[in-house]
Amino acid sequence: MAMCSSRRVFIGASLWFAASAAAVWAAQQGPPQSQFPPPFPPPEPPEPSRNQKRDRAILKANREAIVKDVTRMSELVDALQKQLKENDTASILSVDLIRKSEEIEKLAKQVRDLVRG
């Protein structure tokens, strides 16, 4: 029985020593090397636009289109509100009412796209 106990102690100590030695060896190896070649260097950032007149013209055209679309949307909303007040829409929706609401939605999407650039 005493011999069994000493074997257990010896085996436990051996396992502990092996695990410690493996941990020390792994720490000395450093980070693992990658199998893949290093990635290409990042591309150079594009130079600022040299044609500022062109950029300003585009921004001005976008602004004018936004103002025009918002004005048209406002007119359509006013007409839609007037039509809703005049007609009983509880039972029937007119085709014109639906067409105006779809046009408002289309204009809103155009404005959103112009604002996003």
PDB file of N, CA and C in Angstrom:
ATOM      1  N   MET A   1       0.810  -1.185   0.000  1.00  0.00           N
ATOM      2  CA  MET A   1       0.000   0.000   0.000  1.00  0.00           C
ATOM      3  C   MET A   1       0.867   1.267   0.000  1.00  0.00           C
ATOM      4  N   ALA A   2       1.908   1.260   0.772  1.00  0.00           N
ATOM      5  CA  ALA A   2       2.804   2.403   0.821  1.00  0.00           C
ATOM      6  C   ALA A   2       3.461   2.622  -0.528  1.00  0.00           C
ATOM      7  N   MET A   3       3.694   1.537  -1.222  1.00  0.00           N
ATOM      8  CA  MET A   3       4.316   1.634  -2.520  1.00  0.00           C
ATOM      9  C   MET A   3       3.366   2.269  -3.535  1.00  0.00           C
ATOM     10  N   CYS A   4       2.076   1.937  -3.455  1.00  0.00           N
ATOM     11  CA  CYS A   4       1.081   2.522  -4.354  1.00  0.00           C
ATOM     12  C   CYS A   4       0.996   4.030  -4.155  1.00  0.00           C
ATOM     13  N   SER A   5       1.055   4.448  -2.924  1.00  0.00           N
ATOM     14  CA  SER A   5       0.963   5.867  -2.613  1.00  0.00           C
ATOM     15  C   SER A   5       2.172   6.614  -3.168  1.00  0.00           C
ATOM     16  N   SER A   6       3.349   6.025  -3.037  1.00  0.00           N
ATOM     17  CA  SER A   6       4.544   6.703  -3.535  1.00  0.00           C
ATOM     18  C   SER A   6       4.540   6.758  -5.072  1.00  0.00           C
ATOM     19  N   ARG A   7       3.969   5.726  -5.723  1.00  0.00           N
ATOM     20  CA  ARG A   7       3.845   5.765  -7.175  1.00  0.00           C
ATOM     21  C   ARG A   7       2.928   6.909  -7.605  1.00  0.00           C
ATOM     22  N   ARG A   8       1.828   7.067  -6.885  1.00  0.00           N
ATOM     23  CA  ARG A   8       0.896   8.152  -7.212  1.00  0.00           C
ATOM     24  C   ARG A   8       1.573   9.509  -7.075  1.00  0.00           C
ATOM     25  N   VAL A   9       2.329   9.678  -6.007  1.00  0.00           N
ATOM     26  CA  VAL A   9       3.027  10.935  -5.782  1.00  0.00           C
ATOM     27  C   VAL A   9       4.049  11.162  -6.899  1.00  0.00           C
ATOM     28  N   PHE A  10       4.786  10.102  -7.245  1.00  0.00           N
ATOM     29  CA  PHE A  10       5.795  10.219  -8.301  1.00  0.00           C
ATOM     30  C   PHE A  10       5.151  10.562  -9.649  1.00  0.00           C
ATOM     31  N   ILE A  11       4.068   9.864  -9.997  1.00  0.00           N
ATOM     32  CA  ILE A  11       3.390  10.117 -11.270  1.00  0.00           C
ATOM     33  C   ILE A  11       2.801  11.527 -11.286  1.00  0.00           C
ATOM     34  N   GLY A  12       2.184  11.951 -10.189  1.00  0.00           N
ATOM     35  CA  GLY A  12       1.623  13.302 -10.109  1.00  0.00           C
ATOM     36  C   GLY A  12       2.697  14.361 -10.246  1.00  0.00           C
ATOM     37  N   ALA A  13       3.829  14.152  -9.571  1.00  0.00           N
ATOM     38  CA  ALA A  13       4.930  15.111  -9.653  1.00  0.00           C
ATOM     39  C   ALA A  13       5.512  15.138 -11.065  1.00  0.00           C
ATOM     40  N   SER A  14       5.598  13.977 -11.697  1.00  0.00           N
ATOM     41  CA  SER A  14       6.124  13.904 -13.065  1.00  0.00           C
ATOM     42  C   SER A  14       5.209  14.648 -14.036  1.00  0.00           C
ATOM     43  N   LEU A  15       3.904  14.442 -13.902  1.00  0.00           N
ATOM     44  CA  LEU A  15       2.947  15.137 -14.764  1.00  0.00           C
ATOM     45  C   LEU A  15       3.012  16.644 -14.550  1.00  0.00           C
ATOM     46  N   TRP A  16       3.106  17.053 -13.286  1.00  0.00           N
ATOM     47  CA  TRP A  16       3.183  18.482 -12.989  1.00  0.00           C
ATOM     48  C   TRP A  16       4.455  19.084 -13.590  1.00  0.00           C
ATOM     49  N   PHE A  17       5.585  18.367 -13.456  1.00  0.00           N
ATOM     50  CA  PHE A  17       6.849  18.838 -14.004  1.00  0.00           C
ATOM     51  C   PHE A  17       6.784  18.926 -15.532  1.00  0.00           C
ATOM     52  N   ALA A  18       6.176  17.930 -16.177  1.00  0.00           N
ATOM     53  CA  ALA A  18       6.071  17.929 -17.640  1.00  0.00           C
ATOM     54  C   ALA A  18       5.203  19.096 -18.117  1.00  0.00           C
ATOM     55  N   ALA A  19       4.092  19.343 -17.424  1.00  0.00           N
ATOM     56  CA  ALA A  19       3.214  20.450 -17.803  1.00  0.00           C
ATOM     57  C   ALA A  19       3.924  21.786 -17.609  1.00  0.00           C
ATOM     58  N   SER A  20       4.659  21.920 -16.518  1.00  0.00           N
ATOM     59  CA  SER A  20       5.395  23.161 -16.260  1.00  0.00           C
ATOM     60  C   SER A  20       6.481  23.374 -17.308  1.00  0.00           C
ATOM     61  N   ALA A  21       7.189  22.313 -17.645  1.00  0.00           N
ATOM     62  CA  ALA A  21       8.254  22.425 -18.644  1.00  0.00           C
ATOM     63  C   ALA A  21       7.667  22.796 -20.010  1.00  0.00           C
ATOM     64  N   ALA A  22       6.518  22.211 -20.350  1.00  0.00           N
ATOM     65  CA  ALA A  22       5.880  22.530 -21.630  1.00  0.00           C
ATOM     66  C   ALA A  22       5.442  23.992 -21.658  1.00  0.00           C
ATOM     67  N   ALA A  23       4.921  24.496 -20.538  1.00  0.00           N
ATOM     68  CA  ALA A  23       4.482  25.890 -20.481  1.00  0.00           C
ATOM     69  C   ALA A  23       5.671  26.839 -20.621  1.00  0.00           C
ATOM     70  N   VAL A  24       6.775  26.527 -19.952  1.00  0.00           N
ATOM     71  CA  VAL A  24       7.971  27.367 -20.044  1.00  0.00           C
ATOM     72  C   VAL A  24       8.517  27.332 -21.468  1.00  0.00           C
ATOM     73  N   TRP A  25       8.559  26.153 -22.077  1.00  0.00           N
ATOM     74  CA  TRP A  25       9.061  26.019 -23.449  1.00  0.00           C
ATOM     75  C   TRP A  25       8.194  26.815 -24.430  1.00  0.00           C
ATOM     76  N   ALA A  26       6.853  26.746 -24.258  1.00  0.00           N
ATOM     77  CA  ALA A  26       5.948  27.473 -25.152  1.00  0.00           C
ATOM     78  C   ALA A  26       6.122  28.981 -24.987  1.00  0.00           C
ATOM     79  N   ALA A  27       6.370  29.433 -23.763  1.00  0.00           N
ATOM     80  CA  ALA A  27       6.550  30.863 -23.519  1.00  0.00           C
ATOM     81  C   ALA A  27       7.832  31.372 -24.167  1.00  0.00           C
ATOM     82  N   GLN A  28       8.856  30.526 -24.236  1.00  0.00           N
ATOM     83  CA  GLN A  28      10.118  30.939 -24.830  1.00  0.00           C
ATOM     84  C   GLN A  28      10.074  30.958 -26.354  1.00  0.00           C
ATOM     85  N   GLN A  29       9.145  30.252 -26.945  1.00  0.00           N
ATOM     86  CA  GLN A  29       9.068  30.160 -28.403  1.00  0.00           C
ATOM     87  C   GLN A  29       8.590  31.458 -29.046  1.00  0.00           C
ATOM     88  N   GLY A  30       7.812  32.252 -28.348  1.00  0.00           N
ATOM     89  CA  GLY A  30       7.295  33.490 -28.916  1.00  0.00           C
ATOM     90  C   GLY A  30       6.012  33.222 -29.686  1.00  0.00           C
ATOM     91  N   PRO A  31       5.489  34.262 -30.329  1.00  0.00           N
ATOM     92  CA  PRO A  31       4.228  34.087 -31.058  1.00  0.00           C
ATOM     93  C   PRO A  31       4.433  33.186 -32.276  1.00  0.00           C
ATOM     94  N   PRO A  32       3.411  32.428 -32.628  1.00  0.00           N
ATOM     95  CA  PRO A  32       3.549  31.529 -33.778  1.00  0.00           C
ATOM     96  C   PRO A  32       3.663  32.323 -35.082  1.00  0.00           C
ATOM     97  N   GLN A  33       4.461  31.808 -35.979  1.00  0.00           N
ATOM     98  CA  GLN A  33       4.648  32.448 -37.278  1.00  0.00           C
ATOM     99  C   GLN A  33       3.465  32.117 -38.171  1.00  0.00           C
ATOM    100  N   SER A  34       3.044  33.059 -38.966  1.00  0.00           N
ATOM    101  CA  SER A  34       1.920  32.861 -39.872  1.00  0.00           C
ATOM    102  C   SER A  34       2.375  32.068 -41.089  1.00  0.00           C
ATOM    103  N   GLN A  35       1.498  31.209 -41.595  1.00  0.00           N
ATOM    104  CA  GLN A  35       1.805  30.430 -42.788  1.00  0.00           C
ATOM    105  C   GLN A  35       1.637  31.272 -44.049  1.00  0.00           C
ATOM    106  N   PHE A  36       0.894  32.338 -43.936  1.00  0.00           N
ATOM    107  CA  PHE A  36       0.570  33.158 -45.089  1.00  0.00           C
ATOM    108  C   PHE A  36       1.575  34.300 -45.226  1.00  0.00           C
ATOM    109  N   PRO A  37       1.841  34.729 -46.445  1.00  0.00           N
ATOM    110  CA  PRO A  37       2.750  35.870 -46.622  1.00  0.00           C
ATOM    111  C   PRO A  37       2.099  37.133 -46.073  1.00  0.00           C
ATOM    112  N   PRO A  38       2.897  38.131 -45.750  1.00  0.00           N
ATOM    113  CA  PRO A  38       2.301  39.369 -45.221  1.00  0.00           C
ATOM    114  C   PRO A  38       1.394  40.002 -46.267  1.00  0.00           C
ATOM    115  N   PRO A  39       0.341  40.660 -45.814  1.00  0.00           N
ATOM    116  CA  PRO A  39      -0.593  41.272 -46.771  1.00  0.00           C
ATOM    117  C   PRO A  39       0.074  42.421 -47.517  1.00  0.00           C
ATOM    118  N   PHE A  40      -0.523  42.767 -48.654  1.00  0.00           N
ATOM    119  CA  PHE A  40      -0.010  43.891 -49.423  1.00  0.00           C
ATOM    120  C   PHE A  40      -0.132  45.157 -48.591  1.00  0.00           C
ATOM    121  N   PRO A  41       0.775  46.096 -48.789  1.00  0.00           N
ATOM    122  CA  PRO A  41       0.649  47.354 -48.038  1.00  0.00           C
ATOM    123  C   PRO A  41      -0.652  48.050 -48.428  1.00  0.00           C
ATOM    124  N   PRO A  42      -1.232  48.784 -47.503  1.00  0.00           N
ATOM    125  CA  PRO A  42      -2.499  49.457 -47.816  1.00  0.00           C
ATOM    126  C   PRO A  42      -2.306  50.454 -48.951  1.00  0.00           C
ATOM    127  N   PRO A  43      -3.312  50.598 -49.782  1.00  0.00           N
ATOM    128  CA  PRO A  43      -3.172  51.547 -50.893  1.00  0.00           C
ATOM    129  C   PRO A  43      -3.070  52.970 -50.370  1.00  0.00           C
ATOM    130  N   GLU A  44      -2.403  53.777 -51.150  1.00  0.00           N
ATOM    131  CA  GLU A  44      -2.254  55.184 -50.781  1.00  0.00           C
ATOM    132  C   GLU A  44      -3.626  55.853 -50.764  1.00  0.00           C
ATOM    133  N   PRO A  45      -3.882  56.696 -49.781  1.00  0.00           N
ATOM    134  CA  PRO A  45      -5.172  57.394 -49.779  1.00  0.00           C
ATOM    135  C   PRO A  45      -5.264  58.308 -50.998  1.00  0.00           C
ATOM    136  N   PRO A  46      -6.447  58.406 -51.567  1.00  0.00           N
ATOM    137  CA  PRO A  46      -6.572  59.259 -52.751  1.00  0.00           C
ATOM    138  C   PRO A  46      -6.290  60.715 -52.404  1.00  0.00           C
ATOM    139  N   GLU A  47      -5.695  61.381 -53.355  1.00  0.00           N
ATOM    140  CA  GLU A  47      -5.393  62.794 -53.147  1.00  0.00           C
ATOM    141  C   GLU A  47      -6.684  63.595 -53.130  1.00  0.00           C
ATOM    142  N   PRO A  48      -6.692  64.692 -52.414  1.00  0.00           N
ATOM    143  CA  PRO A  48      -7.896  65.526 -52.422  1.00  0.00           C
ATOM    144  C   PRO A  48      -8.218  65.951 -53.853  1.00  0.00           C
ATOM    145  N   SER A  49      -9.469  66.136 -54.090  1.00  0.00           N
ATOM    146  CA  SER A  49      -9.912  66.479 -55.440  1.00  0.00           C
ATOM    147  C   SER A  49      -9.257  67.773 -55.897  1.00  0.00           C
ATOM    148  N   ARG A  50      -8.663  67.704 -57.062  1.00  0.00           N
ATOM    149  CA  ARG A  50      -7.994  68.889 -57.591  1.00  0.00           C
ATOM    150  C   ARG A  50      -8.960  69.771 -58.369  1.00  0.00           C
ATOM    151  N   ASN A  51     -10.095  69.206 -58.724  1.00  0.00           N
ATOM    152  CA  ASN A  51     -11.053  69.962 -59.516  1.00  0.00           C
ATOM    153  C   ASN A  51     -12.186  70.432 -58.606  1.00  0.00           C
ATOM    154  N   GLN A  52     -11.912  71.464 -57.836  1.00  0.00           N
ATOM    155  CA  GLN A  52     -12.891  71.958 -56.880  1.00  0.00           C
ATOM    156  C   GLN A  52     -14.074  72.621 -57.569  1.00  0.00           C
ATOM    157  N   LYS A  53     -13.863  73.173 -58.744  1.00  0.00           N
ATOM    158  CA  LYS A  53     -14.981  73.795 -59.465  1.00  0.00           C
ATOM    159  C   LYS A  53     -16.014  72.744 -59.830  1.00  0.00           C
ATOM    160  N   ARG A  54     -15.537  71.581 -60.264  1.00  0.00           N
ATOM    161  CA  ARG A  54     -16.454  70.501 -60.631  1.00  0.00           C
ATOM    162  C   ARG A  54     -17.234  70.032 -59.402  1.00  0.00           C
ATOM    163  N   ASP A  55     -16.529  69.877 -58.274  1.00  0.00           N
ATOM    164  CA  ASP A  55     -17.195  69.451 -57.043  1.00  0.00           C
ATOM    165  C   ASP A  55     -18.240  70.466 -56.594  1.00  0.00           C
ATOM    166  N   ARG A  56     -17.888  71.732 -56.675  1.00  0.00           N
ATOM    167  CA  ARG A  56     -18.846  72.773 -56.277  1.00  0.00           C
ATOM    168  C   ARG A  56     -20.059  72.778 -57.194  1.00  0.00           C
ATOM    169  N   ALA A  57     -19.833  72.558 -58.485  1.00  0.00           N
ATOM    170  CA  ALA A  57     -20.949  72.524 -59.439  1.00  0.00           C
ATOM    171  C   ALA A  57     -21.879  71.349 -59.135  1.00  0.00           C
ATOM    172  N   ILE A  58     -21.291  70.212 -58.780  1.00  0.00           N
ATOM    173  CA  ILE A  58     -22.111  69.041 -58.434  1.00  0.00           C
ATOM    174  C   ILE A  58     -22.920  69.320 -57.177  1.00  0.00           C
ATOM    175  N   LEU A  59     -22.271  69.896 -56.157  1.00  0.00           N
ATOM    176  CA  LEU A  59     -22.982  70.211 -54.914  1.00  0.00           C
ATOM    177  C   LEU A  59     -24.097  71.227 -55.152  1.00  0.00           C
ATOM    178  N   LYS A  60     -23.829  72.210 -56.000  1.00  0.00           N
ATOM    179  CA  LYS A  60     -24.845  73.222 -56.298  1.00  0.00           C
ATOM    180  C   LYS A  60     -26.024  72.594 -57.026  1.00  0.00           C
ATOM    181  N   ALA A  61     -25.741  71.712 -57.982  1.00  0.00           N
ATOM    182  CA  ALA A  61     -26.817  71.034 -58.714  1.00  0.00           C
ATOM    183  C   ALA A  61     -27.635  70.150 -57.772  1.00  0.00           C
ATOM    184  N   ASN A  62     -26.950  69.460 -56.859  1.00  0.00           N
ATOM    185  CA  ASN A  62     -27.668  68.633 -55.879  1.00  0.00           C
ATOM    186  C   ASN A  62     -28.564  69.489 -54.997  1.00  0.00           C
ATOM    187  N   ARG A  63     -28.036  70.633 -54.554  1.00  0.00           N
ATOM    188  CA  ARG A  63     -28.832  71.513 -53.691  1.00  0.00           C
ATOM    189  C   ARG A  63     -30.065  72.016 -54.429  1.00  0.00           C
ATOM    190  N   GLU A  64     -29.882  72.416 -55.688  1.00  0.00           N
ATOM    191  CA  GLU A  64     -31.022  72.905 -56.470  1.00  0.00           C
ATOM    192  C   GLU A  64     -32.063  71.803 -56.672  1.00  0.00           C
ATOM    193  N   ALA A  65     -31.601  70.586 -56.913  1.00  0.00           N
ATOM    194  CA  ALA A  65     -32.530  69.466 -57.088  1.00  0.00           C
ATOM    195  C   ALA A  65     -33.273  69.174 -55.789  1.00  0.00           C
ATOM    196  N   ILE A  66     -32.566  69.276 -54.663  1.00  0.00           N
ATOM    197  CA  ILE A  66     -33.204  69.035 -53.364  1.00  0.00           C
ATOM    198  C   ILE A  66     -34.277  70.088 -53.107  1.00  0.00           C
ATOM    199  N   VAL A  67     -33.942  71.361 -53.344  1.00  0.00           N
ATOM    200  CA  VAL A  67     -34.909  72.443 -53.123  1.00  0.00           C
ATOM    201  C   VAL A  67     -36.131  72.246 -54.012  1.00  0.00           C
ATOM    202  N   LYS A  68     -35.899  71.898 -55.283  1.00  0.00           N
ATOM    203  CA  LYS A  68     -37.003  71.683 -56.221  1.00  0.00           C
ATOM    204  C   LYS A  68     -37.891  70.515 -55.761  1.00  0.00           C
ATOM    205  N   ASP A  69     -37.258  69.410 -55.352  1.00  0.00           N
ATOM    206  CA  ASP A  69     -38.028  68.237 -54.916  1.00  0.00           C
ATOM    207  C   ASP A  69     -38.799  68.509 -53.627  1.00  0.00           C
ATOM    208  N   VAL A  70     -38.184  69.220 -52.696  1.00  0.00           N
ATOM    209  CA  VAL A  70     -38.867  69.526 -51.431  1.00  0.00           C
ATOM    210  C   VAL A  70     -40.040  70.468 -51.682  1.00  0.00           C
ATOM    211  N   THR A  71     -39.861  71.432 -52.586  1.00  0.00           N
ATOM    212  CA  THR A  71     -40.964  72.336 -52.935  1.00  0.00           C
ATOM    213  C   THR A  71     -42.119  71.553 -53.542  1.00  0.00           C
ATOM    214  N   ARG A  72     -41.805  70.653 -54.460  1.00  0.00           N
ATOM    215  CA  ARG A  72     -42.848  69.827 -55.091  1.00  0.00           C
ATOM    216  C   ARG A  72     -43.525  68.938 -54.049  1.00  0.00           C
ATOM    217  N   MET A  73     -42.729  68.379 -53.130  1.00  0.00           N
ATOM    218  CA  MET A  73     -43.317  67.554 -52.069  1.00  0.00           C
ATOM    219  C   MET A  73     -44.270  68.367 -51.215  1.00  0.00           C
ATOM    220  N   SER A  74     -43.874  69.581 -50.884  1.00  0.00           N
ATOM    221  CA  SER A  74     -44.717  70.448 -50.072  1.00  0.00           C
ATOM    222  C   SER A  74     -46.041  70.737 -50.775  1.00  0.00           C
ATOM    223  N   GLU A  75     -45.963  71.012 -52.087  1.00  0.00           N
ATOM    224  CA  GLU A  75     -47.190  71.260 -52.853  1.00  0.00           C
ATOM    225  C   GLU A  75     -48.091  70.023 -52.856  1.00  0.00           C
ATOM    226  N   LEU A  76     -47.493  68.862 -53.035  1.00  0.00           N
ATOM    227  CA  LEU A  76     -48.282  67.626 -53.056  1.00  0.00           C
ATOM    228  C   LEU A  76     -48.920  67.341 -51.701  1.00  0.00           C
ATOM    229  N   VAL A  77     -48.181  67.601 -50.635  1.00  0.00           N
ATOM    230  CA  VAL A  77     -48.730  67.376 -49.292  1.00  0.00           C
ATOM    231  C   VAL A  77     -49.902  68.315 -49.044  1.00  0.00           C
ATOM    232  N   ASP A  78     -49.758  69.576 -49.432  1.00  0.00           N
ATOM    233  CA  ASP A  78     -50.865  70.527 -49.268  1.00  0.00           C
ATOM    234  C   ASP A  78     -52.094  70.080 -50.056  1.00  0.00           C
ATOM    235  N   ALA A  79     -51.888  69.657 -51.303  1.00  0.00           N
ATOM    236  CA  ALA A  79     -53.008  69.191 -52.123  1.00  0.00           C
ATOM    237  C   ALA A  79     -53.632  67.933 -51.529  1.00  0.00           C
ATOM    238  N   LEU A  80     -52.793  67.063 -51.002  1.00  0.00           N
ATOM    239  CA  LEU A  80     -53.287  65.829 -50.388  1.00  0.00           C
ATOM    240  C   LEU A  80     -54.120  66.140 -49.148  1.00  0.00           C
ATOM    241  N   GLN A  81     -53.642  67.063 -48.315  1.00  0.00           N
ATOM    242  CA  GLN A  81     -54.398  67.449 -47.124  1.00  0.00           C
ATOM    243  C   GLN A  81     -55.731  68.075 -47.510  1.00  0.00           C
ATOM    244  N   LYS A  82     -55.715  68.926 -48.513  1.00  0.00           N
ATOM    245  CA  LYS A  82     -56.951  69.569 -48.965  1.00  0.00           C
ATOM    246  C   LYS A  82     -57.935  68.516 -49.467  1.00  0.00           C
ATOM    247  N   GLN A  83     -57.426  67.565 -50.234  1.00  0.00           N
ATOM    248  CA  GLN A  83     -58.284  66.516 -50.781  1.00  0.00           C
ATOM    249  C   GLN A  83     -58.854  65.630 -49.667  1.00  0.00           C
ATOM    250  N   LEU A  84     -58.067  65.364 -48.647  1.00  0.00           N
ATOM    251  CA  LEU A  84     -58.547  64.547 -47.530  1.00  0.00           C
ATOM    252  C   LEU A  84     -59.644  65.267 -46.756  1.00  0.00           C
ATOM    253  N   LYS A  85     -59.515  66.586 -46.612  1.00  0.00           N
ATOM    254  CA  LYS A  85     -60.538  67.347 -45.901  1.00  0.00           C
ATOM    255  C   LYS A  85     -61.836  67.409 -46.692  1.00  0.00           C
ATOM    256  N   GLU A  86     -61.727  67.521 -48.008  1.00  0.00           N
ATOM    257  CA  GLU A  86     -62.918  67.667 -48.848  1.00  0.00           C
ATOM    258  C   GLU A  86     -63.675  66.357 -49.046  1.00  0.00           C
ATOM    259  N   ASN A  87     -62.969  65.258 -49.162  1.00  0.00           N
ATOM    260  CA  ASN A  87     -63.618  63.986 -49.492  1.00  0.00           C
ATOM    261  C   ASN A  87     -63.743  63.087 -48.277  1.00  0.00           C
ATOM    262  N   ASP A  88     -64.742  62.223 -48.328  1.00  0.00           N
ATOM    263  CA  ASP A  88     -64.928  61.228 -47.281  1.00  0.00           C
ATOM    264  C   ASP A  88     -64.074  60.014 -47.644  1.00  0.00           C
ATOM    265  N   THR A  89     -62.959  59.866 -46.955  1.00  0.00           N
ATOM    266  CA  THR A  89     -62.057  58.761 -47.271  1.00  0.00           C
ATOM    267  C   THR A  89     -62.286  57.562 -46.371  1.00  0.00           C
ATOM    268  N   ALA A  90     -63.344  57.604 -45.562  1.00  0.00           N
ATOM    269  CA  ALA A  90     -63.631  56.476 -44.678  1.00  0.00           C
ATOM    270  C   ALA A  90     -64.062  55.250 -45.470  1.00  0.00           C
ATOM    271  N   SER A  91     -64.711  55.467 -46.602  1.00  0.00           N
ATOM    272  CA  SER A  91     -65.194  54.322 -47.370  1.00  0.00           C
ATOM    273  C   SER A  91     -64.431  54.113 -48.673  1.00  0.00           C
ATOM    274  N   ILE A  92     -63.975  55.194 -49.313  1.00  0.00           N
ATOM    275  CA  ILE A  92     -63.326  55.069 -50.621  1.00  0.00           C
ATOM    276  C   ILE A  92     -62.096  55.971 -50.671  1.00  0.00           C
ATOM    277  N   LEU A  93     -60.993  55.410 -51.170  1.00  0.00           N
ATOM    278  CA  LEU A  93     -59.792  56.204 -51.435  1.00  0.00           C
ATOM    279  C   LEU A  93     -59.694  56.415 -52.937  1.00  0.00           C
ATOM    280  N   SER A  94     -59.506  57.643 -53.347  1.00  0.00           N
ATOM    281  CA  SER A  94     -59.435  57.918 -54.781  1.00  0.00           C
ATOM    282  C   SER A  94     -58.065  57.518 -55.332  1.00  0.00           C
ATOM    283  N   VAL A  95     -58.030  57.256 -56.615  1.00  0.00           N
ATOM    284  CA  VAL A  95     -56.787  56.892 -57.289  1.00  0.00           C
ATOM    285  C   VAL A  95     -55.823  58.073 -57.266  1.00  0.00           C
ATOM    286  N   ASP A  96     -56.350  59.267 -57.392  1.00  0.00           N
ATOM    287  CA  ASP A  96     -55.522  60.467 -57.365  1.00  0.00           C
ATOM    288  C   ASP A  96     -54.819  60.609 -56.014  1.00  0.00           C
ATOM    289  N   LEU A  97     -55.520  60.269 -54.947  1.00  0.00           N
ATOM    290  CA  LEU A  97     -54.959  60.333 -53.597  1.00  0.00           C
ATOM    291  C   LEU A  97     -53.781  59.363 -53.471  1.00  0.00           C
ATOM    292  N   ILE A  98     -53.970  58.168 -53.978  1.00  0.00           N
ATOM    293  CA  ILE A  98     -52.905  57.159 -53.920  1.00  0.00           C
ATOM    294  C   ILE A  98     -51.729  57.583 -54.794  1.00  0.00           C
ATOM    295  N   ARG A  99     -52.009  58.108 -55.972  1.00  0.00           N
ATOM    296  CA  ARG A  99     -50.955  58.543 -56.893  1.00  0.00           C
ATOM    297  C   ARG A  99     -50.118  59.658 -56.264  1.00  0.00           C
ATOM    298  N   LYS A 100     -50.777  60.607 -55.600  1.00  0.00           N
ATOM    299  CA  LYS A 100     -50.043  61.705 -54.963  1.00  0.00           C
ATOM    300  C   LYS A 100     -49.169  61.194 -53.822  1.00  0.00           C
ATOM    301  N   SER A 101     -49.700  60.271 -53.034  1.00  0.00           N
ATOM    302  CA  SER A 101     -48.899  59.746 -51.921  1.00  0.00           C
ATOM    303  C   SER A 101     -47.687  58.965 -52.444  1.00  0.00           C
ATOM    304  N   GLU A 102     -47.852  58.250 -53.561  1.00  0.00           N
ATOM    305  CA  GLU A 102     -46.711  57.538 -54.149  1.00  0.00           C
ATOM    306  C   GLU A 102     -45.678  58.512 -54.704  1.00  0.00           C
ATOM    307  N   GLU A 103     -46.144  59.611 -55.286  1.00  0.00           N
ATOM    308  CA  GLU A 103     -45.210  60.611 -55.808  1.00  0.00           C
ATOM    309  C   GLU A 103     -44.447  61.282 -54.667  1.00  0.00           C
ATOM    310  N   ILE A 104     -45.130  61.520 -53.550  1.00  0.00           N
ATOM    311  CA  ILE A 104     -44.457  62.094 -52.378  1.00  0.00           C
ATOM    312  C   ILE A 104     -43.377  61.141 -51.890  1.00  0.00           C
ATOM    313  N   GLU A 105     -43.702  59.865 -51.837  1.00  0.00           N
ATOM    314  CA  GLU A 105     -42.730  58.864 -51.395  1.00  0.00           C
ATOM    315  C   GLU A 105     -41.522  58.823 -52.341  1.00  0.00           C
ATOM    316  N   LYS A 106     -41.769  58.873 -53.633  1.00  0.00           N
ATOM    317  CA  LYS A 106     -40.698  58.859 -54.631  1.00  0.00           C
ATOM    318  C   LYS A 106     -39.791  60.080 -54.470  1.00  0.00           C
ATOM    319  N   LEU A 107     -40.406  61.252 -54.288  1.00  0.00           N
ATOM    320  CA  LEU A 107     -39.616  62.471 -54.097  1.00  0.00           C
ATOM    321  C   LEU A 107     -38.793  62.404 -52.812  1.00  0.00           C
ATOM    322  N   ALA A 108     -39.380  61.852 -51.764  1.00  0.00           N
ATOM    323  CA  ALA A 108     -38.652  61.734 -50.496  1.00  0.00           C
ATOM    324  C   ALA A 108     -37.422  60.840 -50.663  1.00  0.00           C
ATOM    325  N   LYS A 109     -37.557  59.762 -51.411  1.00  0.00           N
ATOM    326  CA  LYS A 109     -36.408  58.883 -51.654  1.00  0.00           C
ATOM    327  C   LYS A 109     -35.335  59.591 -52.480  1.00  0.00           C
ATOM    328  N   GLN A 110     -35.763  60.381 -53.469  1.00  0.00           N
ATOM    329  CA  GLN A 110     -34.799  61.128 -54.279  1.00  0.00           C
ATOM    330  C   GLN A 110     -34.029  62.126 -53.420  1.00  0.00           C
ATOM    331  N   VAL A 111     -34.745  62.819 -52.547  1.00  0.00           N
ATOM    332  CA  VAL A 111     -34.092  63.792 -51.665  1.00  0.00           C
ATOM    333  C   VAL A 111     -33.107  63.074 -50.749  1.00  0.00           C
ATOM    334  N   ARG A 112     -33.519  61.933 -50.199  1.00  0.00           N
ATOM    335  CA  ARG A 112     -32.632  61.166 -49.315  1.00  0.00           C
ATOM    336  C   ARG A 112     -31.358  60.766 -50.057  1.00  0.00           C
ATOM    337  N   ASP A 113     -31.492  60.281 -51.286  1.00  0.00           N
ATOM    338  CA  ASP A 113     -30.323  59.870 -52.063  1.00  0.00           C
ATOM    339  C   ASP A 113     -29.413  61.053 -52.389  1.00  0.00           C
ATOM    340  N   LEU A 114     -30.000  62.209 -52.699  1.00  0.00           N
ATOM    341  CA  LEU A 114     -29.189  63.394 -52.988  1.00  0.00           C
ATOM    342  C   LEU A 114     -28.450  63.877 -51.746  1.00  0.00           C
ATOM    343  N   VAL A 115     -29.103  63.806 -50.600  1.00  0.00           N
ATOM    344  CA  VAL A 115     -28.467  64.251 -49.357  1.00  0.00           C
ATOM    345  C   VAL A 115     -27.314  63.317 -48.991  1.00  0.00           C
ATOM    346  N   ARG A 116     -27.507  62.022 -49.197  1.00  0.00           N
ATOM    347  CA  ARG A 116     -26.441  61.062 -48.896  1.00  0.00           C
ATOM    348  C   ARG A 116     -25.253  61.227 -49.835  1.00  0.00           C
ATOM    349  N   GLY A 117     -25.516  61.733 -51.019  1.00  0.00           N
ATOM    350  CA  GLY A 117     -24.431  61.987 -51.965  1.00  0.00           C
ATOM    351  C   GLY A 117     -24.229  60.828 -52.827  1.00  0.00           C
TER     352      GLY A 117
END
